């Protein structure tokens, strides 16, 4: 069974930093783009950052200059380094990956989410 498992969320004061990790496991033949999304209470899920298999990145305007997405293809893992955190960054953060798996072809997968809370 293919899974995405996030870790690294928590409670931090404004101005602080957190690093999220998301590891893909299972019978994975290939991974295309990976990314992070977030959903705050009462709001729609929004894109935070994405990274292609070749390393090209894309960021939401609200996190540019503060967040950095990276990936380790050998470990099937994507990271999100979050610096200068603000209370408005508080949300559940979800990992996403487009993966080629045995028997299912290319599909989008989501992690279970990890809570990030930034106190003022």
C-alpha atoms as a PDB file:
ATOM      1  CA  UNK A   1       0.000   0.000   0.000  1.00  0.00           C
ATOM      2  CA  UNK A   2       1.364   3.393  -1.008  1.00  0.00           C
ATOM      3  CA  UNK A   3       1.420   6.003   1.727  1.00  0.00           C
ATOM      4  CA  UNK A   4       2.611   9.530   2.419  1.00  0.00           C
ATOM      5  CA  UNK A   5       3.512  10.153   6.044  1.00  0.00           C
ATOM      6  CA  UNK A   6       4.160  13.676   7.317  1.00  0.00           C
ATOM      7  CA  UNK A   7       6.067  14.676  10.430  1.00  0.00           C
ATOM      8  CA  UNK A   8       7.507  17.792  12.020  1.00  0.00           C
ATOM      9  CA  UNK A   9       4.470  19.880  12.848  1.00  0.00           C
ATOM     10  CA  UNK A  10       3.932  21.504  16.219  1.00  0.00           C
ATOM     11  CA  UNK A  11       3.546  24.705  18.188  1.00  0.00           C
ATOM     12  CA  UNK A  12       6.002  27.551  17.678  1.00  0.00           C
ATOM     13  CA  UNK A  13       6.131  31.239  18.512  1.00  0.00           C
ATOM     14  CA  UNK A  14       5.916  33.867  15.810  1.00  0.00           C
ATOM     15  CA  UNK A  15       9.295  34.344  14.190  1.00  0.00           C
ATOM     16  CA  UNK A  16      10.293  30.772  14.839  1.00  0.00           C
ATOM     17  CA  UNK A  17      11.028  27.898  12.493  1.00  0.00           C
ATOM     18  CA  UNK A  18       9.768  24.402  11.784  1.00  0.00           C
ATOM     19  CA  UNK A  19      10.771  21.726   9.297  1.00  0.00           C
ATOM     20  CA  UNK A  20       8.170  19.396   7.869  1.00  0.00           C
ATOM     21  CA  UNK A  21       9.021  16.051   6.293  1.00  0.00           C
ATOM     22  CA  UNK A  22       6.934  13.753   4.129  1.00  0.00           C
ATOM     23  CA  UNK A  23       8.081  10.275   3.192  1.00  0.00           C
ATOM     24  CA  UNK A  24       6.476   8.132   0.514  1.00  0.00           C
ATOM     25  CA  UNK A  25       6.452   4.384   1.030  1.00  0.00           C
ATOM     26  CA  UNK A  26       5.149   1.331  -0.764  1.00  0.00           C
ATOM     27  CA  UNK A  27       5.629  -0.079  -4.231  1.00  0.00           C
ATOM     28  CA  UNK A  28       6.479   3.176  -6.016  1.00  0.00           C
ATOM     29  CA  UNK A  29       7.837   3.082  -9.530  1.00  0.00           C
ATOM     30  CA  UNK A  30       8.334   6.816  -9.979  1.00  0.00           C
ATOM     31  CA  UNK A  31       7.450  10.159  -8.366  1.00  0.00           C
ATOM     32  CA  UNK A  32       6.714  13.280 -10.370  1.00  0.00           C
ATOM     33  CA  UNK A  33       5.870  16.527  -8.580  1.00  0.00           C
ATOM     34  CA  UNK A  34       5.651  16.707  -4.804  1.00  0.00           C
ATOM     35  CA  UNK A  35       4.225  19.525  -2.772  1.00  0.00           C
ATOM     36  CA  UNK A  36       2.777  20.990   0.365  1.00  0.00           C
ATOM     37  CA  UNK A  37      -0.703  22.403   0.832  1.00  0.00           C
ATOM     38  CA  UNK A  38      -2.379  23.835   3.901  1.00  0.00           C
ATOM     39  CA  UNK A  39      -5.873  24.341   5.223  1.00  0.00           C
ATOM     40  CA  UNK A  40      -6.749  26.781   7.966  1.00  0.00           C
ATOM     41  CA  UNK A  41     -10.038  26.502   9.896  1.00  0.00           C
ATOM     42  CA  UNK A  42     -12.938  27.734   7.782  1.00  0.00           C
ATOM     43  CA  UNK A  43     -10.786  28.157   4.687  1.00  0.00           C
ATOM     44  CA  UNK A  44     -10.138  26.168   1.549  1.00  0.00           C
ATOM     45  CA  UNK A  45      -7.015  24.115   1.091  1.00  0.00           C
ATOM     46  CA  UNK A  46      -4.329  26.183  -0.626  1.00  0.00           C
ATOM     47  CA  UNK A  47      -1.027  25.502  -2.302  1.00  0.00           C
ATOM     48  CA  UNK A  48       2.073  26.344  -0.295  1.00  0.00           C
ATOM     49  CA  UNK A  49       4.916  25.040  -2.475  1.00  0.00           C
ATOM     50  CA  UNK A  50       5.668  22.424  -5.108  1.00  0.00           C
ATOM     51  CA  UNK A  51       8.815  20.853  -6.488  1.00  0.00           C
ATOM     52  CA  UNK A  52       9.268  18.810  -9.644  1.00  0.00           C
ATOM     53  CA  UNK A  53      11.380  15.700  -9.966  1.00  0.00           C
ATOM     54  CA  UNK A  54      14.038  17.897 -11.560  1.00  0.00           C
ATOM     55  CA  UNK A  55      14.056  20.346  -8.671  1.00  0.00           C
ATOM     56  CA  UNK A  56      12.048  23.261 -10.086  1.00  0.00           C
ATOM     57  CA  UNK A  57      10.082  24.990  -7.353  1.00  0.00           C
ATOM     58  CA  UNK A  58       6.959  27.093  -7.066  1.00  0.00           C
ATOM     59  CA  UNK A  59       5.732  29.028  -4.021  1.00  0.00           C
ATOM     60  CA  UNK A  60       2.619  30.827  -2.905  1.00  0.00           C
ATOM     61  CA  UNK A  61       3.260  34.554  -2.707  1.00  0.00           C
ATOM     62  CA  UNK A  62       2.486  34.504   1.017  1.00  0.00           C
ATOM     63  CA  UNK A  63       5.447  32.230   1.802  1.00  0.00           C
ATOM     64  CA  UNK A  64       8.062  33.374  -0.709  1.00  0.00           C
ATOM     65  CA  UNK A  65      11.328  34.228   0.988  1.00  0.00           C
ATOM     66  CA  UNK A  66      10.318  32.445   4.194  1.00  0.00           C
ATOM     67  CA  UNK A  67       9.664  28.828   3.193  1.00  0.00           C
ATOM     68  CA  UNK A  68      11.924  26.475   1.238  1.00  0.00           C
ATOM     69  CA  UNK A  69      10.808  23.214  -0.338  1.00  0.00           C
ATOM     70  CA  UNK A  70      13.317  20.488  -1.141  1.00  0.00           C
ATOM     71  CA  UNK A  71      13.325  16.767  -1.861  1.00  0.00           C
ATOM     72  CA  UNK A  72      15.549  13.744  -1.572  1.00  0.00           C
ATOM     73  CA  UNK A  73      14.694  11.493  -4.490  1.00  0.00           C
ATOM     74  CA  UNK A  74      16.723   8.610  -3.096  1.00  0.00           C
ATOM     75  CA  UNK A  75      14.564   8.650   0.030  1.00  0.00           C
ATOM     76  CA  UNK A  76      11.252   9.512  -1.688  1.00  0.00           C
ATOM     77  CA  UNK A  77      10.981  12.386   0.765  1.00  0.00           C
ATOM     78  CA  UNK A  78       9.974  16.028   0.469  1.00  0.00           C
ATOM     79  CA  UNK A  79      10.737  18.707   3.039  1.00  0.00           C
ATOM     80  CA  UNK A  80       9.386  22.135   3.888  1.00  0.00           C
ATOM     81  CA  UNK A  81      11.642  24.443   5.863  1.00  0.00           C
ATOM     82  CA  UNK A  82       9.511  27.187   7.365  1.00  0.00           C
ATOM     83  CA  UNK A  83      11.238  30.270   8.784  1.00  0.00           C
ATOM     84  CA  UNK A  84       9.931  33.573  10.140  1.00  0.00           C
ATOM     85  CA  UNK A  85       6.611  31.925  10.898  1.00  0.00           C
ATOM     86  CA  UNK A  86       3.540  34.102  11.356  1.00  0.00           C
ATOM     87  CA  UNK A  87       0.251  33.396  13.151  1.00  0.00           C
ATOM     88  CA  UNK A  88      -1.459  33.347   9.748  1.00  0.00           C
ATOM     89  CA  UNK A  89       0.649  30.308   8.832  1.00  0.00           C
ATOM     90  CA  UNK A  90      -1.363  28.296  11.350  1.00  0.00           C
ATOM     91  CA  UNK A  91      -3.035  25.428   9.502  1.00  0.00           C
ATOM     92  CA  UNK A  92      -3.004  21.713   8.859  1.00  0.00           C
ATOM     93  CA  UNK A  93      -0.254  21.057   6.329  1.00  0.00           C
ATOM     94  CA  UNK A  94      -0.744  18.262   3.801  1.00  0.00           C
ATOM     95  CA  UNK A  95       1.825  16.552   1.634  1.00  0.00           C
ATOM     96  CA  UNK A  96       0.920  15.690  -1.944  1.00  0.00           C
ATOM     97  CA  UNK A  97       2.702  13.613  -4.547  1.00  0.00           C
ATOM     98  CA  UNK A  98       1.955  12.373  -8.029  1.00  0.00           C
ATOM     99  CA  UNK A  99       3.235   8.821  -8.140  1.00  0.00           C
ATOM    100  CA  UNK A 100       3.396   5.890 -10.514  1.00  0.00           C
ATOM    101  CA  UNK A 101       2.494   2.701  -8.706  1.00  0.00           C
ATOM    102  CA  UNK A 102       2.140  -0.898  -9.741  1.00  0.00           C
ATOM    103  CA  UNK A 103      -1.304  -1.562 -11.128  1.00  0.00           C
ATOM    104  CA  UNK A 104      -2.718   1.964 -10.661  1.00  0.00           C
ATOM    105  CA  UNK A 105      -0.682   4.083 -13.061  1.00  0.00           C
ATOM    106  CA  UNK A 106      -0.131   7.743 -12.233  1.00  0.00           C
ATOM    107  CA  UNK A 107      -2.238   9.029  -9.335  1.00  0.00           C
ATOM    108  CA  UNK A 108      -2.259  11.852  -6.797  1.00  0.00           C
ATOM    109  CA  UNK A 109      -1.694  10.876  -3.181  1.00  0.00           C
ATOM    110  CA  UNK A 110      -2.205  12.853   0.025  1.00  0.00           C
ATOM    111  CA  UNK A 111      -0.773  12.525   3.486  1.00  0.00           C
ATOM    112  CA  UNK A 112      -2.874  12.591   6.630  1.00  0.00           C
ATOM    113  CA  UNK A 113      -1.844  16.143   7.531  1.00  0.00           C
ATOM    114  CA  UNK A 114       0.224  17.663  10.304  1.00  0.00           C
ATOM    115  CA  UNK A 115      -0.839  20.592  12.483  1.00  0.00           C
ATOM    116  CA  UNK A 116       1.273  23.738  12.550  1.00  0.00           C
ATOM    117  CA  UNK A 117       0.307  26.335  15.141  1.00  0.00           C
ATOM    118  CA  UNK A 118       2.066  29.699  15.374  1.00  0.00           C
ATOM    119  CA  UNK A 119       1.389  31.728  18.486  1.00  0.00           C
ATOM    120  CA  UNK A 120       1.657  35.518  18.566  1.00  0.00           C
END
